[in-house]
């Protein structure tokens, strides 16, 4: 049911739901709230989808980020991707150990905007890094 919401969003933004896009969205739905590297995704997808290329994955990830299906971040020099829990504006906590993400229920832009009231902000991204309860317990 969740995957259909993202497929509908893709189609509402004027894009076809190709078999490759469906496979990628299914993968992200199975790994919800996790940051995934392209290499991890490629290794997993190659098992059952030998026809999917790295170029196809990169192209579709870029598209998904551009239209707001995925969020992207860089952690320890690696670009990582995660499915947005909702298709609205979102900020997140990222566990630096297991790469689990948790959405934040607020946006700090009001505070930032008030201190930059003479600036015209075009975009923003807010991420908090640390250890989740499971990883904190191990450390």
C-alpha atoms as a PDB file:
ATOM      1  CA  UNK A   1       0.000   0.000   0.000  1.00  0.00           C
ATOM      2  CA  UNK A   2       2.837   2.401   0.847  1.00  0.00           C
ATOM      3  CA  UNK A   3       4.593   1.836  -2.482  1.00  0.00           C
ATOM      4  CA  UNK A   4       1.448   2.826  -4.397  1.00  0.00           C
ATOM      5  CA  UNK A   5       1.499   6.266  -2.738  1.00  0.00           C
ATOM      6  CA  UNK A   6       4.987   6.897  -4.125  1.00  0.00           C
ATOM      7  CA  UNK A   7       4.119   5.495  -7.563  1.00  0.00           C
ATOM      8  CA  UNK A   8       1.073   7.773  -7.715  1.00  0.00           C
ATOM      9  CA  UNK A   9       3.240  10.742  -6.717  1.00  0.00           C
ATOM     10  CA  UNK A  10       5.718   9.864  -9.482  1.00  0.00           C
ATOM     11  CA  UNK A  11       2.913   9.710 -12.062  1.00  0.00           C
ATOM     12  CA  UNK A  12       1.290  12.939 -10.801  1.00  0.00           C
ATOM     13  CA  UNK A  13       4.625  14.651 -11.472  1.00  0.00           C
ATOM     14  CA  UNK A  14       4.538  13.510 -15.113  1.00  0.00           C
ATOM     15  CA  UNK A  15       6.836  10.469 -14.960  1.00  0.00           C
ATOM     16  CA  UNK A  16       6.156   6.909 -16.065  1.00  0.00           C
ATOM     17  CA  UNK A  17       6.425   4.097 -13.587  1.00  0.00           C
ATOM     18  CA  UNK A  18       8.950   1.912 -15.407  1.00  0.00           C
ATOM     19  CA  UNK A  19       9.908  -1.551 -14.115  1.00  0.00           C
ATOM     20  CA  UNK A  20      13.261  -0.145 -12.921  1.00  0.00           C
ATOM     21  CA  UNK A  21      11.562   2.669 -10.999  1.00  0.00           C
ATOM     22  CA  UNK A  22       9.146   0.189  -9.449  1.00  0.00           C
ATOM     23  CA  UNK A  23      12.049  -2.015  -8.316  1.00  0.00           C
ATOM     24  CA  UNK A  24      13.853   0.973  -6.792  1.00  0.00           C
ATOM     25  CA  UNK A  25      10.742   2.208  -4.982  1.00  0.00           C
ATOM     26  CA  UNK A  26      10.061  -1.312  -3.688  1.00  0.00           C
ATOM     27  CA  UNK A  27      13.609  -1.507  -2.378  1.00  0.00           C
ATOM     28  CA  UNK A  28      13.272   1.793  -0.537  1.00  0.00           C
ATOM     29  CA  UNK A  29       9.874   0.794   0.887  1.00  0.00           C
ATOM     30  CA  UNK A  30      11.477  -2.398   2.258  1.00  0.00           C
ATOM     31  CA  UNK A  31      14.285  -0.341   3.818  1.00  0.00           C
ATOM     32  CA  UNK A  32      12.229   2.553   5.141  1.00  0.00           C
ATOM     33  CA  UNK A  33      13.996   4.828   7.655  1.00  0.00           C
ATOM     34  CA  UNK A  34      17.434   3.650   6.495  1.00  0.00           C
ATOM     35  CA  UNK A  35      20.060   5.570   4.561  1.00  0.00           C
ATOM     36  CA  UNK A  36      21.225   3.445   1.633  1.00  0.00           C
ATOM     37  CA  UNK A  37      24.371   3.835  -0.465  1.00  0.00           C
ATOM     38  CA  UNK A  38      24.299   3.273  -4.218  1.00  0.00           C
ATOM     39  CA  UNK A  39      26.734   0.348  -3.867  1.00  0.00           C
ATOM     40  CA  UNK A  40      24.563  -1.371  -1.252  1.00  0.00           C
ATOM     41  CA  UNK A  41      21.521  -0.899  -3.445  1.00  0.00           C
ATOM     42  CA  UNK A  42      23.304  -2.104  -6.578  1.00  0.00           C
ATOM     43  CA  UNK A  43      24.633  -5.260  -4.885  1.00  0.00           C
ATOM     44  CA  UNK A  44      21.180  -6.116  -3.607  1.00  0.00           C
ATOM     45  CA  UNK A  45      19.314  -5.323  -6.817  1.00  0.00           C
ATOM     46  CA  UNK A  46      21.764  -7.157  -9.113  1.00  0.00           C
ATOM     47  CA  UNK A  47      20.767 -10.477  -7.487  1.00  0.00           C
ATOM     48  CA  UNK A  48      17.265 -10.458  -8.996  1.00  0.00           C
ATOM     49  CA  UNK A  49      17.499  -7.687 -11.598  1.00  0.00           C
ATOM     50  CA  UNK A  50      20.532  -8.371 -13.756  1.00  0.00           C
ATOM     51  CA  UNK A  51      19.271  -5.922 -16.400  1.00  0.00           C
ATOM     52  CA  UNK A  52      19.450  -2.887 -14.087  1.00  0.00           C
ATOM     53  CA  UNK A  53      22.577  -0.787 -14.584  1.00  0.00           C
ATOM     54  CA  UNK A  54      24.406   1.568 -12.263  1.00  0.00           C
ATOM     55  CA  UNK A  55      23.621   4.400 -14.659  1.00  0.00           C
ATOM     56  CA  UNK A  56      19.886   3.618 -14.433  1.00  0.00           C
ATOM     57  CA  UNK A  57      20.076   3.637 -10.638  1.00  0.00           C
ATOM     58  CA  UNK A  58      21.910   6.987 -10.536  1.00  0.00           C
ATOM     59  CA  UNK A  59      19.540   8.596 -13.059  1.00  0.00           C
ATOM     60  CA  UNK A  60      16.448   7.489 -11.168  1.00  0.00           C
ATOM     61  CA  UNK A  61      17.860   8.409  -7.761  1.00  0.00           C
ATOM     62  CA  UNK A  62      18.569  11.912  -9.075  1.00  0.00           C
ATOM     63  CA  UNK A  63      15.033  12.136 -10.432  1.00  0.00           C
ATOM     64  CA  UNK A  64      13.504  10.854  -7.161  1.00  0.00           C
ATOM     65  CA  UNK A  65      15.466  13.428  -5.154  1.00  0.00           C
ATOM     66  CA  UNK A  66      14.575  16.240  -7.577  1.00  0.00           C
ATOM     67  CA  UNK A  67      10.826  15.588  -7.351  1.00  0.00           C
ATOM     68  CA  UNK A  68      10.873  14.933  -3.600  1.00  0.00           C
ATOM     69  CA  UNK A  69      10.393  11.155  -3.324  1.00  0.00           C
ATOM     70  CA  UNK A  70      13.798  10.604  -1.731  1.00  0.00           C
ATOM     71  CA  UNK A  71      16.040  12.604   0.532  1.00  0.00           C
ATOM     72  CA  UNK A  72      19.785  12.584   0.044  1.00  0.00           C
ATOM     73  CA  UNK A  73      22.625  13.305   2.418  1.00  0.00           C
ATOM     74  CA  UNK A  74      26.364  12.813   2.661  1.00  0.00           C
ATOM     75  CA  UNK A  75      27.735  10.930   5.656  1.00  0.00           C
ATOM     76  CA  UNK A  76      31.430  10.131   6.059  1.00  0.00           C
ATOM     77  CA  UNK A  77      32.027  11.076   2.426  1.00  0.00           C
ATOM     78  CA  UNK A  78      29.316   8.766   1.012  1.00  0.00           C
ATOM     79  CA  UNK A  79      26.139   9.960  -0.654  1.00  0.00           C
ATOM     80  CA  UNK A  80      23.204   8.155   0.914  1.00  0.00           C
ATOM     81  CA  UNK A  81      19.505   8.030   0.050  1.00  0.00           C
ATOM     82  CA  UNK A  82      16.321   7.393   1.988  1.00  0.00           C
ATOM     83  CA  UNK A  83      12.630   7.340   1.187  1.00  0.00           C
ATOM     84  CA  UNK A  84      10.742  10.328   2.546  1.00  0.00           C
ATOM     85  CA  UNK A  85       8.252   9.230   5.199  1.00  0.00           C
ATOM     86  CA  UNK A  86       5.851  11.816   3.919  1.00  0.00           C
ATOM     87  CA  UNK A  87       6.041  13.785   0.742  1.00  0.00           C
ATOM     88  CA  UNK A  88       6.033  17.123   2.516  1.00  0.00           C
ATOM     89  CA  UNK A  89       8.850  19.196   3.948  1.00  0.00           C
ATOM     90  CA  UNK A  90      10.955  17.035   6.296  1.00  0.00           C
ATOM     91  CA  UNK A  91      14.039  17.148   8.540  1.00  0.00           C
ATOM     92  CA  UNK A  92      15.708  14.171  10.222  1.00  0.00           C
ATOM     93  CA  UNK A  93      17.907  12.600  12.865  1.00  0.00           C
ATOM     94  CA  UNK A  94      20.559  10.258  11.413  1.00  0.00           C
ATOM     95  CA  UNK A  95      22.291   7.518  13.401  1.00  0.00           C
ATOM     96  CA  UNK A  96      25.949   7.635  12.373  1.00  0.00           C
ATOM     97  CA  UNK A  97      26.402   3.972  13.282  1.00  0.00           C
ATOM     98  CA  UNK A  98      23.479   2.060  11.705  1.00  0.00           C
ATOM     99  CA  UNK A  99      22.210   4.822   9.343  1.00  0.00           C
ATOM    100  CA  UNK A 100      18.685   4.676  10.725  1.00  0.00           C
ATOM    101  CA  UNK A 101      16.756   7.894  10.235  1.00  0.00           C
ATOM    102  CA  UNK A 102      13.994   9.434  12.296  1.00  0.00           C
ATOM    103  CA  UNK A 103      11.930  12.396  11.097  1.00  0.00           C
ATOM    104  CA  UNK A 104      11.904  15.535  13.214  1.00  0.00           C
ATOM    105  CA  UNK A 105       8.498  17.019  13.966  1.00  0.00           C
ATOM    106  CA  UNK A 106       9.538  20.649  13.535  1.00  0.00           C
ATOM    107  CA  UNK A 107      11.362  23.008  11.213  1.00  0.00           C
ATOM    108  CA  UNK A 108      13.987  25.393  12.625  1.00  0.00           C
ATOM    109  CA  UNK A 109      13.679  27.843   9.717  1.00  0.00           C
ATOM    110  CA  UNK A 110      11.658  30.359  11.754  1.00  0.00           C
ATOM    111  CA  UNK A 111      14.608  30.865  14.076  1.00  0.00           C
ATOM    112  CA  UNK A 112      17.118  30.904  11.215  1.00  0.00           C
ATOM    113  CA  UNK A 113      15.036  33.304   9.124  1.00  0.00           C
ATOM    114  CA  UNK A 114      14.696  35.757  12.016  1.00  0.00           C
ATOM    115  CA  UNK A 115      18.475  35.968  12.335  1.00  0.00           C
ATOM    116  CA  UNK A 116      18.895  36.349   8.559  1.00  0.00           C
ATOM    117  CA  UNK A 117      15.965  38.661   7.940  1.00  0.00           C
ATOM    118  CA  UNK A 118      17.855  40.623   5.277  1.00  0.00           C
ATOM    119  CA  UNK A 119      18.637  37.462   3.266  1.00  0.00           C
ATOM    120  CA  UNK A 120      16.522  35.647   0.711  1.00  0.00           C
ATOM    121  CA  UNK A 121      16.712  31.932   1.542  1.00  0.00           C
ATOM    122  CA  UNK A 122      15.976  29.660  -1.420  1.00  0.00           C
ATOM    123  CA  UNK A 123      16.276  26.252   0.204  1.00  0.00           C
ATOM    124  CA  UNK A 124      17.421  24.502   3.335  1.00  0.00           C
ATOM    125  CA  UNK A 125      18.206  21.119   4.833  1.00  0.00           C
ATOM    126  CA  UNK A 126      18.384  20.297   8.531  1.00  0.00           C
ATOM    127  CA  UNK A 127      19.952  17.086   9.848  1.00  0.00           C
ATOM    128  CA  UNK A 128      20.960  16.032  13.344  1.00  0.00           C
ATOM    129  CA  UNK A 129      23.651  13.346  13.707  1.00  0.00           C
ATOM    130  CA  UNK A 130      24.222  11.004  16.636  1.00  0.00           C
ATOM    131  CA  UNK A 131      23.551   7.491  17.892  1.00  0.00           C
ATOM    132  CA  UNK A 132      20.105   5.900  18.082  1.00  0.00           C
ATOM    133  CA  UNK A 133      19.116   4.106  21.337  1.00  0.00           C
ATOM    134  CA  UNK A 134      20.224   0.702  19.981  1.00  0.00           C
ATOM    135  CA  UNK A 135      23.657   1.952  18.951  1.00  0.00           C
ATOM    136  CA  UNK A 136      24.083   4.078  22.117  1.00  0.00           C
ATOM    137  CA  UNK A 137      23.590   0.988  24.203  1.00  0.00           C
ATOM    138  CA  UNK A 138      26.449  -0.777  22.383  1.00  0.00           C
ATOM    139  CA  UNK A 139      28.943   2.085  22.814  1.00  0.00           C
END
